[in-house]
Protein backbone atom coordinates (compact mmCIF):
# COMPACT_ATOMS: atom_id res chain seq x y z
CA MET A 1 -19.35 34.87 35.42
CA ARG A 2 -19.36 37.28 32.46
CA SER A 3 -17.60 36.45 29.24
CA THR A 4 -17.07 37.84 25.75
CA LEU A 5 -17.14 34.45 24.06
CA PRO A 6 -18.54 34.68 20.50
CA CYS A 7 -21.78 32.90 19.66
CA ARG A 8 -21.51 30.17 17.05
CA ARG A 9 -24.09 29.90 14.28
CA GLU A 10 -25.80 26.56 14.88
CA ARG A 11 -28.88 27.59 16.80
CA PRO A 12 -30.90 25.29 19.04
CA SER A 13 -34.61 25.71 19.61
CA LEU A 14 -35.78 28.14 22.31
CA ARG A 15 -38.76 28.57 24.61
CA MET A 16 -39.24 31.95 26.29
CA GLN A 17 -41.38 33.13 29.21
CA ASN A 18 -42.58 36.65 30.08
CA ASP A 19 -41.01 39.51 28.10
CA ALA A 20 -37.42 38.68 29.02
CA LYS A 21 -35.14 37.41 26.29
CA VAL A 22 -32.62 34.64 26.86
CA SER A 23 -30.90 33.26 23.78
CA VAL A 24 -29.01 29.98 23.78
CA ALA A 25 -25.97 29.53 21.54
CA ALA A 26 -24.12 26.25 21.14
CA LEU A 27 -20.38 26.66 21.55
CA SER A 28 -19.39 23.01 21.62
CA PRO A 29 -20.92 19.61 22.40
CA THR A 30 -20.12 20.17 26.09
CA SER A 31 -20.79 23.88 26.66
CA ILE A 32 -23.25 26.62 25.74
CA SER A 33 -23.73 30.30 26.51
CA LEU A 34 -26.79 32.26 27.62
CA VAL A 35 -27.20 35.76 26.22
CA SER A 36 -29.75 37.87 28.06
CA SER A 37 -31.61 41.13 27.57
CA ASP A 38 -34.65 42.84 29.09
CA LEU A 39 -34.37 40.96 32.39
CA ALA A 40 -35.85 42.70 35.42
CA SER A 41 -33.19 44.17 37.72
CA PHE A 42 -32.17 42.03 40.72
CA PRO A 43 -29.13 42.05 43.00
CA LEU A 44 -28.48 38.42 42.10
CA TYR A 45 -29.53 35.95 39.41
CA ARG A 46 -29.76 32.18 39.66
CA VAL A 47 -29.46 29.84 36.68
CA ARG A 48 -30.84 26.33 37.08
CA TYR A 49 -30.28 23.79 34.34
CA GLY A 50 -30.45 20.07 33.75
CA THR A 51 -31.42 17.41 31.25
CA ASP A 52 -35.05 16.89 30.31
CA SER A 53 -34.97 13.54 32.10
CA THR A 54 -37.07 13.78 35.27
CA SER A 55 -34.53 11.64 37.12
CA ALA A 56 -31.68 14.06 36.47
CA PRO A 57 -31.14 16.69 39.20
CA LEU A 58 -30.86 20.35 38.27
CA ALA A 59 -27.55 22.11 38.75
CA SER A 60 -27.54 25.79 39.69
CA PHE A 61 -25.31 28.75 40.47
CA VAL A 62 -25.76 32.41 41.42
CA PHE A 63 -24.06 35.49 39.98
CA THR A 64 -24.47 39.26 40.14
CA SER A 65 -25.34 40.45 36.65
CA MET A 66 -26.95 39.10 33.53
CA GLN A 67 -28.14 42.36 32.02
CA GLY A 68 -27.08 42.07 28.37
CA GLY A 69 -24.30 39.71 29.40
CA ILE A 70 -23.21 36.18 28.68
CA CYS A 71 -23.21 33.30 31.12
CA ARG A 72 -21.43 30.09 30.10
CA LEU A 73 -22.51 26.57 31.10
CA ALA A 74 -19.84 23.89 30.80
CA GLY A 75 -19.54 20.17 31.53
CA LEU A 76 -22.62 19.27 29.47
CA ARG A 77 -23.25 16.01 27.63
CA PRO A 78 -23.13 15.98 23.81
CA ASP A 79 -26.34 15.41 21.83
CA THR A 80 -28.54 15.88 24.93
CA ASP A 81 -31.73 17.87 25.58
CA TYR A 82 -31.49 20.41 28.42
CA SER A 83 -33.78 22.90 30.13
CA VAL A 84 -32.54 26.13 31.67
CA MET A 85 -34.32 28.64 33.92
CA VAL A 86 -33.19 32.12 34.95
CA TYR A 87 -34.43 33.49 38.29
CA GLY A 88 -34.11 36.84 40.02
CA VAL A 89 -32.94 36.46 43.62
CA GLY A 90 -33.53 38.88 46.49
CA GLU A 91 -36.17 41.09 48.04
CA ALA A 92 -37.31 42.38 44.65
CA ALA A 93 -38.49 38.85 43.79
CA ALA A 94 -41.44 39.28 46.18
CA ALA A 95 -42.95 41.83 43.82
CA HIS A 96 -42.95 39.20 41.06
CA GLU A 97 -43.91 35.95 42.73
CA GLY A 98 -44.15 36.63 46.44
CA GLY A 99 -41.01 34.65 47.26
CA SER A 100 -37.25 34.91 47.39
CA GLU A 101 -36.85 33.92 43.72
CA ALA A 102 -38.75 35.03 40.61
CA LEU A 103 -38.69 33.03 37.39
CA LEU A 104 -37.72 35.50 34.66
CA ALA A 105 -37.17 33.33 31.59
CA SER A 106 -36.66 29.76 30.47
CA ALA A 107 -35.32 28.01 27.40
CA ALA A 108 -34.74 24.55 26.02
CA PHE A 109 -31.75 23.50 23.97
CA LYS A 110 -29.94 20.48 22.63
CA THR A 111 -26.17 20.29 22.68
CA PRO A 112 -24.52 19.42 19.34
CA ARG A 113 -23.34 15.92 18.71
CA GLN A 114 -19.66 15.11 19.21
CA GLU A 115 -17.88 15.60 15.91
CA VAL A 116 -15.98 12.68 14.42
CA GLY A 117 -13.69 12.43 11.43
CA GLU A 118 -10.73 14.41 10.20
CA VAL A 119 -10.31 18.17 10.06
CA GLY A 120 -9.60 19.52 6.58
CA ASP A 121 -10.15 22.70 4.62
CA ILE A 122 -13.76 21.66 3.97
CA SER A 123 -14.28 21.57 7.77
CA ARG A 124 -13.67 25.32 7.86
CA LEU A 125 -16.66 26.23 5.70
CA ASP A 126 -19.91 27.26 7.37
CA MET A 127 -22.53 25.80 5.03
CA ARG A 128 -26.13 26.12 6.21
CA VAL A 129 -29.69 25.73 5.02
CA GLY A 130 -31.36 28.98 4.02
CA ARG A 131 -34.83 29.94 2.80
CA ILE A 132 -35.20 32.73 0.25
CA SER A 133 -37.72 35.22 1.62
CA SER A 134 -37.47 37.82 -1.16
CA VAL A 135 -35.86 38.25 -4.59
CA GLU A 136 -35.36 41.38 -6.64
CA LYS A 137 -33.28 42.42 -9.63
CA HIS A 138 -30.11 44.33 -8.83
CA PRO A 139 -30.76 47.94 -9.91
CA ASP A 140 -27.25 48.30 -11.37
CA ALA A 141 -26.53 44.81 -12.76
CA ASP A 142 -28.78 42.96 -15.20
CA SER A 143 -27.30 39.54 -14.36
CA LEU A 144 -27.64 39.76 -10.58
CA TYR A 145 -30.40 39.14 -8.05
CA ILE A 146 -30.51 40.58 -4.55
CA GLU A 147 -31.96 37.92 -2.23
CA GLN A 148 -32.98 38.10 1.41
CA ILE A 149 -32.30 34.67 2.92
CA ASP A 150 -33.48 33.36 6.28
CA LEU A 151 -30.60 31.47 7.94
CA GLY A 152 -32.16 31.09 11.36
CA GLU A 153 -30.36 34.16 12.67
CA GLY A 154 -33.40 36.30 13.49
CA GLU A 155 -32.78 38.71 10.62
CA PRO A 156 -32.36 37.66 6.96
CA ARG A 157 -29.03 38.03 5.21
CA THR A 158 -28.55 39.88 1.95
CA ILE A 159 -26.98 37.64 -0.70
CA VAL A 160 -26.22 38.74 -4.25
CA SER A 161 -26.17 35.96 -6.85
CA GLY A 162 -25.78 35.71 -10.62
CA LEU A 163 -28.87 33.58 -11.28
CA VAL A 164 -30.90 35.94 -13.48
CA LYS A 165 -30.12 33.92 -16.66
CA TYR A 166 -31.10 30.63 -15.07
CA CYS A 167 -33.97 31.09 -12.58
CA SER A 168 -36.98 33.38 -12.44
CA PRO A 169 -37.80 35.26 -9.23
CA GLU A 170 -40.88 33.04 -8.87
CA GLU A 171 -38.70 29.91 -8.95
CA LEU A 172 -36.47 31.28 -6.20
CA GLN A 173 -39.09 32.84 -3.92
CA GLY A 174 -39.57 30.63 -0.84
CA ARG A 175 -37.02 28.08 -2.04
CA ASP A 176 -34.76 26.24 0.40
CA VAL A 177 -31.11 26.56 -0.56
CA ILE A 178 -27.57 25.99 0.75
CA VAL A 179 -25.57 29.10 1.68
CA LEU A 180 -21.84 29.36 2.34
CA CYS A 181 -22.05 31.76 5.28
CA ASN A 182 -18.51 32.59 6.33
CA LEU A 183 -16.97 34.09 3.22
CA LYS A 184 -15.75 37.63 3.73
CA PRO A 185 -18.58 40.07 2.90
CA ARG A 186 -18.01 41.88 -0.38
CA MET A 187 -19.59 44.71 -2.33
CA MET A 188 -21.28 43.68 -5.58
CA ARG A 189 -22.23 46.73 -7.61
CA GLY A 190 -22.88 48.76 -4.50
CA VAL A 191 -24.69 46.04 -2.49
CA GLU A 192 -22.92 44.11 0.28
CA SER A 193 -23.30 40.35 -0.12
CA ARG A 194 -22.83 38.35 3.10
CA GLY A 195 -22.37 34.85 1.76
CA MET A 196 -22.71 32.73 -1.35
CA LEU A 197 -25.70 30.78 -2.59
CA MET A 198 -24.27 27.39 -3.60
CA ARG A 199 -25.34 26.17 -7.02
CA ALA A 200 -24.78 23.23 -9.35
CA SER A 201 -24.02 23.63 -13.06
CA ASP A 202 -23.36 21.38 -16.01
CA GLU A 203 -19.94 21.39 -17.65
CA SER A 204 -20.96 23.98 -20.26
CA LYS A 205 -22.59 26.20 -17.60
CA THR A 206 -25.74 26.47 -19.71
CA THR A 207 -27.87 25.00 -16.91
CA VAL A 208 -27.45 26.28 -13.36
CA GLU A 209 -29.61 25.75 -10.26
CA PRO A 210 -29.26 26.25 -6.50
CA LEU A 211 -28.23 23.21 -4.48
CA ARG A 212 -31.22 21.99 -2.47
CA PRO A 213 -31.32 20.66 1.12
CA PRO A 214 -33.35 17.54 1.96
CA GLU A 215 -37.08 17.77 2.59
CA GLY A 216 -37.95 18.89 6.10
CA SER A 217 -34.81 20.99 6.61
CA ALA A 218 -35.12 24.27 8.49
CA PRO A 219 -33.27 27.58 8.07
CA GLY A 220 -29.98 27.43 9.98
CA ASP A 221 -29.55 23.63 9.76
CA ALA A 222 -25.87 22.79 9.42
CA VAL A 223 -24.48 21.07 6.34
CA ARG A 224 -21.75 18.50 7.01
CA VAL A 225 -19.45 16.49 4.80
CA ASP A 226 -19.15 12.76 5.51
CA GLY A 227 -15.89 11.88 7.24
CA TYR A 228 -15.02 15.46 8.22
CA GLN A 229 -15.56 17.42 11.40
CA ARG A 230 -17.39 20.72 11.15
CA GLN A 231 -15.16 23.46 12.57
CA PRO A 232 -15.89 26.60 10.52
CA TYR A 233 -13.77 29.71 10.64
CA GLN A 234 -15.26 33.08 11.51
CA PRO A 235 -16.19 35.07 8.38
CA GLY A 236 -13.12 36.51 6.69
CA ASP A 237 -10.04 35.84 4.62
CA ARG A 238 -9.23 32.46 6.20
CA ALA A 239 -12.62 31.08 5.16
CA ASN A 240 -12.10 32.51 1.65
CA ARG A 241 -8.76 30.73 1.37
CA ALA A 242 -10.26 27.46 2.61
CA PHE A 243 -12.98 27.70 -0.05
CA GLU A 244 -10.42 28.36 -2.78
CA LYS A 245 -8.59 25.16 -1.78
CA VAL A 246 -11.68 22.93 -1.93
CA ALA A 247 -13.65 24.54 -4.77
CA SER A 248 -12.33 22.29 -7.54
CA LYS A 249 -13.50 19.15 -5.66
CA LEU A 250 -17.09 20.28 -5.07
CA ARG A 251 -19.43 18.40 -7.43
CA THR A 252 -22.74 16.62 -7.72
CA ASP A 253 -22.25 12.89 -8.26
CA ASP A 254 -24.06 10.40 -10.50
CA GLN A 255 -26.81 10.19 -7.85
CA LEU A 256 -27.12 14.00 -8.00
CA ARG A 257 -25.91 14.42 -4.42
CA GLY A 258 -23.65 17.29 -3.43
CA THR A 259 -20.14 16.02 -2.66
CA TYR A 260 -16.65 17.13 -1.74
CA ASP A 261 -14.00 14.79 -3.15
CA SER A 262 -16.71 12.07 -3.34
CA ALA A 263 -17.77 12.60 0.32
CA VAL A 264 -21.49 13.43 0.55
CA MET A 265 -22.77 16.80 1.79
CA SER A 266 -25.82 16.42 4.03
CA THR A 267 -27.90 17.71 6.91
CA GLU A 268 -29.30 15.46 9.61
CA ARG A 269 -32.27 14.80 7.30
CA GLY A 270 -30.28 13.51 4.34
CA PRO A 271 -28.08 14.54 1.41
CA CYS A 272 -28.15 17.87 -0.38
CA THR A 273 -29.11 17.41 -4.04
CA ALA A 274 -29.63 18.99 -7.45
CA THR A 275 -31.06 17.86 -10.77
CA ILE A 276 -27.74 18.50 -12.54
CA GLU A 277 -24.55 16.42 -12.49
CA GLY A 278 -21.59 18.77 -12.55
CA ARG A 279 -19.68 21.37 -10.56
CA ILE A 280 -20.81 23.13 -7.40
CA SER A 281 -19.77 26.74 -6.99
């Protein structure tokens, strides 16, 4: 039951028990993967899972190893809350709970909604909500900031942006922003930048500000474009080429909403906005 499937970036909420770690990653509206570490050693492991509805029975299966591995659950319902429990099975379970099975960890997750709409170049961009946790001047470039941005990944990402002329560190500290996450990492004056902070500017580029997610957004929330599915590429050259194709059609409209070719950019809480009507880059 082991797999090397990659984990996608939209992260559901988790609940953990004991010291064991079980992470849940959404792969599609109908399947997820469990990534485990620090589980006690057992000859067998059982995974039980089901919807949060008390009337829904739990499904389960047994396999031989989950130490640092990945277990995939398929056949799930889109946009549905699930619970999952991982048990150790065998004689060693008696030392934990005095029975044949020992509960090692549990988690809760919600499968993504089923995507609708067409697939275009904009679908290939991984735009997410981020929160700036720290800002400092680049030691070798007067026009650049080095920002640490929480994207719901556990560790912040380093992003280098050219906002020194337009925003003070105090204005950026703690601010919620939109980050394009799957551009190919690049070195900027000796510092690797792993994404791009999306910003709006007027036509003369004298006023520039980061695009802002709606109130109540959380780090890692996905940004979608109305009428398009969200199917981002892995970070690299393909994502760079997709961005180059759509960049000229990214703008804020007369309602100051972020748009692509007039289609609104939003999270589940509402549209992404700025105070400037102009280009997004």
